[in-house]
Amino acid sequence: MKRARGRLNREWNDGTEGEDKTDRVRDAFFVFFQNCYHMVDWLENDPARPIRRAETDRFVKASPALSLCDALCQGSKHAVLKQKGITAVQPERQVISELPFVDSSGKKLGGIQFSAMEMTVVWSAGQTNAFDLADECFAEWDQFLVSRGLVLPT
């Protein structure tokens, strides 16, 4: 409950001074996978071309990426990640490159580090990079939409 309340506060206030940015990355991660899984609801409720829930449920269950997406969505939304087989969601900052500041003798005085955030999901079947998983989920939904004659956004 405390994590969910903190997430609401961060979403509403757009962060606070001195906040640990890994929490914001983790929150954005869960929001993405909640929205990604809820395509099943949006497809079912689309008045122009509704697709039966049973059909999308079968598609999600047949897809390893979307099945993990479902577990992340339901587990994070209902505070049951461990029961869904997810043991950790680990954000980690990776230094990509560094631009050193040096004096005329070549002595390093400091520098700027360029970094990126990586996110790893550890679950019962192994571990996966969250960004790769997101790409797989997009590809799966695109395949489904095209197979049903639905136009993809450009």
C-alpha atoms as a PDB file:
ATOM      1  CA  MET A   1       0.000   0.000   0.000  1.00  0.00           C
ATOM      2  CA  LYS A   2       2.850   2.355   0.870  1.00  0.00           C
ATOM      3  CA  ARG A   3       4.435   1.827  -2.578  1.00  0.00           C
ATOM      4  CA  ALA A   4       1.101   2.413  -4.339  1.00  0.00           C
ATOM      5  CA  ARG A   5       0.515   5.632  -2.344  1.00  0.00           C
ATOM      6  CA  GLY A   6       4.028   6.807  -3.163  1.00  0.00           C
ATOM      7  CA  ARG A   7       3.427   6.069  -6.835  1.00  0.00           C
ATOM      8  CA  LEU A   8       0.244   8.165  -6.791  1.00  0.00           C
ATOM      9  CA  ASN A   9       2.112  11.015  -5.138  1.00  0.00           C
ATOM     10  CA  ARG A  10       4.921  10.898  -7.710  1.00  0.00           C
ATOM     11  CA  GLU A  11       2.475  10.783 -10.620  1.00  0.00           C
ATOM     12  CA  TRP A  12       0.496  13.723  -9.256  1.00  0.00           C
ATOM     13  CA  ASN A  13       3.427  15.876  -8.133  1.00  0.00           C
ATOM     14  CA  ASP A  14       5.852  14.865 -10.903  1.00  0.00           C
ATOM     15  CA  GLY A  15       8.528  13.920  -8.385  1.00  0.00           C
ATOM     16  CA  THR A  16      10.121  15.727  -5.508  1.00  0.00           C
ATOM     17  CA  GLU A  17      13.513  17.251  -4.862  1.00  0.00           C
ATOM     18  CA  GLY A  18      16.072  14.640  -3.841  1.00  0.00           C
ATOM     19  CA  GLU A  19      13.829  11.696  -4.675  1.00  0.00           C
ATOM     20  CA  ASP A  20      15.437   8.395  -5.628  1.00  0.00           C
ATOM     21  CA  LYS A  21      14.946   8.288  -9.411  1.00  0.00           C
ATOM     22  CA  THR A  22      14.921   4.484  -9.445  1.00  0.00           C
ATOM     23  CA  ASP A  23      11.440   4.595  -7.871  1.00  0.00           C
ATOM     24  CA  ARG A  24      10.212   6.785 -10.742  1.00  0.00           C
ATOM     25  CA  VAL A  25      11.709   4.382 -13.290  1.00  0.00           C
ATOM     26  CA  ARG A  26      10.131   1.393 -11.539  1.00  0.00           C
ATOM     27  CA  ASP A  27       6.753   3.187 -11.425  1.00  0.00           C
ATOM     28  CA  ALA A  28       6.891   4.039 -15.140  1.00  0.00           C
ATOM     29  CA  PHE A  29       7.788   0.419 -15.842  1.00  0.00           C
ATOM     30  CA  PHE A  30       4.697  -0.874 -14.014  1.00  0.00           C
ATOM     31  CA  VAL A  31       2.435   1.741 -15.618  1.00  0.00           C
ATOM     32  CA  PHE A  32       3.628   0.679 -19.076  1.00  0.00           C
ATOM     33  CA  PHE A  33       2.926  -3.017 -18.454  1.00  0.00           C
ATOM     34  CA  GLN A  34      -0.455  -2.271 -16.864  1.00  0.00           C
ATOM     35  CA  ASN A  35      -1.465  -0.272 -19.927  1.00  0.00           C
ATOM     36  CA  CYS A  36       0.015  -2.849 -22.274  1.00  0.00           C
ATOM     37  CA  TYR A  37      -1.958  -5.696 -20.731  1.00  0.00           C
ATOM     38  CA  HIS A  38      -5.165  -3.644 -20.624  1.00  0.00           C
ATOM     39  CA  MET A  39      -5.264  -3.659 -24.429  1.00  0.00           C
ATOM     40  CA  VAL A  40      -7.549  -6.676 -23.829  1.00  0.00           C
ATOM     41  CA  ASP A  41     -10.117  -4.345 -22.215  1.00  0.00           C
ATOM     42  CA  TRP A  42      -9.759  -1.615 -24.807  1.00  0.00           C
ATOM     43  CA  LEU A  43     -10.160  -4.075 -27.666  1.00  0.00           C
ATOM     44  CA  GLU A  44     -13.233  -5.619 -26.081  1.00  0.00           C
ATOM     45  CA  ASN A  45     -14.834  -2.223 -25.431  1.00  0.00           C
ATOM     46  CA  ASP A  46     -14.018  -0.575 -28.756  1.00  0.00           C
ATOM     47  CA  PRO A  47     -17.437   0.310 -30.219  1.00  0.00           C
ATOM     48  CA  ALA A  48     -16.103   0.335 -33.784  1.00  0.00           C
ATOM     49  CA  ARG A  49     -14.587  -3.171 -33.785  1.00  0.00           C
ATOM     50  CA  PRO A  50     -14.990  -5.034 -30.514  1.00  0.00           C
ATOM     51  CA  ILE A  51     -12.940  -8.191 -30.115  1.00  0.00           C
ATOM     52  CA  ARG A  52     -14.194 -10.782 -27.648  1.00  0.00           C
ATOM     53  CA  ARG A  53     -12.322 -11.022 -24.358  1.00  0.00           C
ATOM     54  CA  ALA A  54     -11.929 -14.791 -24.740  1.00  0.00           C
ATOM     55  CA  GLU A  55     -10.056 -14.267 -28.022  1.00  0.00           C
ATOM     56  CA  THR A  56      -7.602 -11.762 -26.544  1.00  0.00           C
ATOM     57  CA  ASP A  57      -7.178 -13.885 -23.398  1.00  0.00           C
ATOM     58  CA  ARG A  58      -6.176 -16.868 -25.561  1.00  0.00           C
ATOM     59  CA  PHE A  59      -3.743 -14.683 -27.495  1.00  0.00           C
ATOM     60  CA  VAL A  60      -2.144 -13.344 -24.284  1.00  0.00           C
ATOM     61  CA  LYS A  61      -1.818 -16.845 -22.789  1.00  0.00           C
ATOM     62  CA  ALA A  62      -0.161 -18.138 -25.990  1.00  0.00           C
ATOM     63  CA  SER A  63       2.441 -15.352 -25.948  1.00  0.00           C
ATOM     64  CA  PRO A  64       5.325 -15.667 -23.464  1.00  0.00           C
ATOM     65  CA  ALA A  65       5.910 -11.889 -23.591  1.00  0.00           C
ATOM     66  CA  LEU A  66       2.260 -10.953 -23.039  1.00  0.00           C
ATOM     67  CA  SER A  67       1.846 -13.624 -20.355  1.00  0.00           C
ATOM     68  CA  LEU A  68       4.689 -12.010 -18.410  1.00  0.00           C
ATOM     69  CA  CYS A  69       3.102  -8.622 -19.135  1.00  0.00           C
ATOM     70  CA  ASP A  70      -0.152  -9.927 -17.599  1.00  0.00           C
ATOM     71  CA  ALA A  71       1.713 -11.164 -14.513  1.00  0.00           C
ATOM     72  CA  LEU A  72       3.471  -7.793 -14.124  1.00  0.00           C
ATOM     73  CA  CYS A  73       0.182  -5.927 -14.552  1.00  0.00           C
ATOM     74  CA  GLN A  74      -1.856  -8.017 -12.156  1.00  0.00           C
ATOM     75  CA  GLY A  75       0.998  -8.488  -9.702  1.00  0.00           C
ATOM     76  CA  SER A  76       1.821  -4.793  -9.444  1.00  0.00           C
ATOM     77  CA  LYS A  77      -1.805  -3.666  -9.458  1.00  0.00           C
ATOM     78  CA  HIS A  78      -2.868  -6.067  -6.699  1.00  0.00           C
ATOM     79  CA  ALA A  79       0.421  -6.235  -4.726  1.00  0.00           C
ATOM     80  CA  VAL A  80       0.945  -9.927  -5.526  1.00  0.00           C
ATOM     81  CA  LEU A  81       4.123  -9.942  -7.640  1.00  0.00           C
ATOM     82  CA  LYS A  82       5.628 -12.908  -5.771  1.00  0.00           C
ATOM     83  CA  GLN A  83       2.444 -14.965  -6.186  1.00  0.00           C
ATOM     84  CA  LYS A  84       2.703 -14.281  -9.933  1.00  0.00           C
ATOM     85  CA  GLY A  85       6.247 -15.730  -9.938  1.00  0.00           C
ATOM     86  CA  ILE A  86       8.041 -12.360 -10.108  1.00  0.00           C
ATOM     87  CA  THR A  87      10.786 -12.209  -7.514  1.00  0.00           C
ATOM     88  CA  ALA A  88      12.432  -8.882  -8.408  1.00  0.00           C
ATOM     89  CA  VAL A  89      12.214  -5.828 -10.603  1.00  0.00           C
ATOM     90  CA  GLN A  90      15.678  -4.329 -10.519  1.00  0.00           C
ATOM     91  CA  PRO A  91      16.418  -0.881 -11.904  1.00  0.00           C
ATOM     92  CA  GLU A  92      20.118  -0.235 -12.342  1.00  0.00           C
ATOM     93  CA  ARG A  93      21.986   2.765 -13.679  1.00  0.00           C
ATOM     94  CA  GLN A  94      24.588   1.871 -16.322  1.00  0.00           C
ATOM     95  CA  VAL A  95      27.399   4.301 -17.137  1.00  0.00           C
ATOM     96  CA  ILE A  96      27.600   4.590 -20.919  1.00  0.00           C
ATOM     97  CA  SER A  97      30.507   6.993 -21.260  1.00  0.00           C
ATOM     98  CA  GLU A  98      32.409   9.630 -19.376  1.00  0.00           C
ATOM     99  CA  LEU A  99      33.721  13.008 -20.453  1.00  0.00           C
ATOM    100  CA  PRO A 100      36.657  13.801 -18.164  1.00  0.00           C
ATOM    101  CA  PHE A 101      37.794  17.275 -17.169  1.00  0.00           C
ATOM    102  CA  VAL A 102      41.612  17.442 -17.104  1.00  0.00           C
ATOM    103  CA  ASP A 103      44.127  20.163 -16.410  1.00  0.00           C
ATOM    104  CA  SER A 104      47.033  21.091 -18.707  1.00  0.00           C
ATOM    105  CA  SER A 105      49.163  18.299 -17.235  1.00  0.00           C
ATOM    106  CA  GLY A 106      46.497  15.680 -17.961  1.00  0.00           C
ATOM    107  CA  LYS A 107      45.461  15.246 -14.321  1.00  0.00           C
ATOM    108  CA  LYS A 108      41.784  14.345 -14.070  1.00  0.00           C
ATOM    109  CA  LEU A 109      39.812  17.000 -12.198  1.00  0.00           C
ATOM    110  CA  GLY A 110      36.358  15.469 -12.563  1.00  0.00           C
ATOM    111  CA  GLY A 111      33.976  14.844 -15.381  1.00  0.00           C
ATOM    112  CA  ILE A 112      30.495  14.180 -16.609  1.00  0.00           C
ATOM    113  CA  GLN A 113      29.099  10.668 -16.762  1.00  0.00           C
ATOM    114  CA  PHE A 114      26.453   9.730 -19.287  1.00  0.00           C
ATOM    115  CA  SER A 115      24.280   6.927 -18.036  1.00  0.00           C
ATOM    116  CA  ALA A 116      21.125   5.035 -18.823  1.00  0.00           C
ATOM    117  CA  MET A 117      18.712   3.114 -16.662  1.00  0.00           C
ATOM    118  CA  GLU A 118      18.369  -0.611 -17.237  1.00  0.00           C
ATOM    119  CA  MET A 119      15.533  -2.638 -15.770  1.00  0.00           C
ATOM    120  CA  THR A 120      15.629  -6.384 -15.213  1.00  0.00           C
ATOM    121  CA  VAL A 121      12.656  -8.586 -14.348  1.00  0.00           C
ATOM    122  CA  VAL A 122      13.539 -11.709 -12.379  1.00  0.00           C
ATOM    123  CA  TRP A 123      10.797 -14.313 -12.509  1.00  0.00           C
ATOM    124  CA  SER A 124      10.225 -18.054 -12.154  1.00  0.00           C
ATOM    125  CA  ALA A 125      11.393 -18.813 -15.726  1.00  0.00           C
ATOM    126  CA  GLY A 126      14.557 -16.684 -15.560  1.00  0.00           C
ATOM    127  CA  GLN A 127      15.217 -13.029 -16.127  1.00  0.00           C
ATOM    128  CA  THR A 128      14.639 -10.587 -18.941  1.00  0.00           C
ATOM    129  CA  ASN A 129      15.452  -7.001 -19.819  1.00  0.00           C
ATOM    130  CA  ALA A 130      12.310  -4.880 -19.390  1.00  0.00           C
ATOM    131  CA  PHE A 131      12.955  -2.801 -22.499  1.00  0.00           C
ATOM    132  CA  ASP A 132      13.333  -5.946 -24.629  1.00  0.00           C
ATOM    133  CA  LEU A 133      10.132  -7.296 -23.091  1.00  0.00           C
ATOM    134  CA  ALA A 134       8.315  -4.049 -23.954  1.00  0.00           C
ATOM    135  CA  ASP A 135       9.509  -4.343 -27.579  1.00  0.00           C
ATOM    136  CA  GLU A 136       8.254  -7.949 -27.716  1.00  0.00           C
ATOM    137  CA  CYS A 137       4.872  -6.925 -26.298  1.00  0.00           C
ATOM    138  CA  PHE A 138       4.516  -4.152 -28.895  1.00  0.00           C
ATOM    139  CA  ALA A 139       5.363  -6.608 -31.675  1.00  0.00           C
ATOM    140  CA  GLU A 140       2.850  -9.159 -30.360  1.00  0.00           C
ATOM    141  CA  TRP A 141       0.024  -6.620 -30.152  1.00  0.00           C
ATOM    142  CA  ASP A 142       0.885  -5.260 -33.613  1.00  0.00           C
ATOM    143  CA  GLN A 143       0.732  -8.782 -35.019  1.00  0.00           C
ATOM    144  CA  PHE A 144      -2.653  -9.340 -33.375  1.00  0.00           C
ATOM    145  CA  LEU A 145      -4.093  -6.026 -34.592  1.00  0.00           C
ATOM    146  CA  VAL A 146      -2.896  -6.542 -38.174  1.00  0.00           C
ATOM    147  CA  SER A 147      -4.284 -10.098 -38.205  1.00  0.00           C
ATOM    148  CA  ARG A 148      -7.705  -8.674 -37.251  1.00  0.00           C
ATOM    149  CA  GLY A 149      -7.587  -6.006 -39.961  1.00  0.00           C
ATOM    150  CA  LEU A 150      -7.116  -3.149 -37.535  1.00  0.00           C
ATOM    151  CA  VAL A 151      -5.084  -0.163 -38.637  1.00  0.00           C
ATOM    152  CA  LEU A 152      -1.966   0.569 -36.639  1.00  0.00           C
ATOM    153  CA  PRO A 153      -1.154   4.139 -35.628  1.00  0.00           C
ATOM    154  CA  THR A 154       1.625   5.695 -37.664  1.00  0.00           C
END
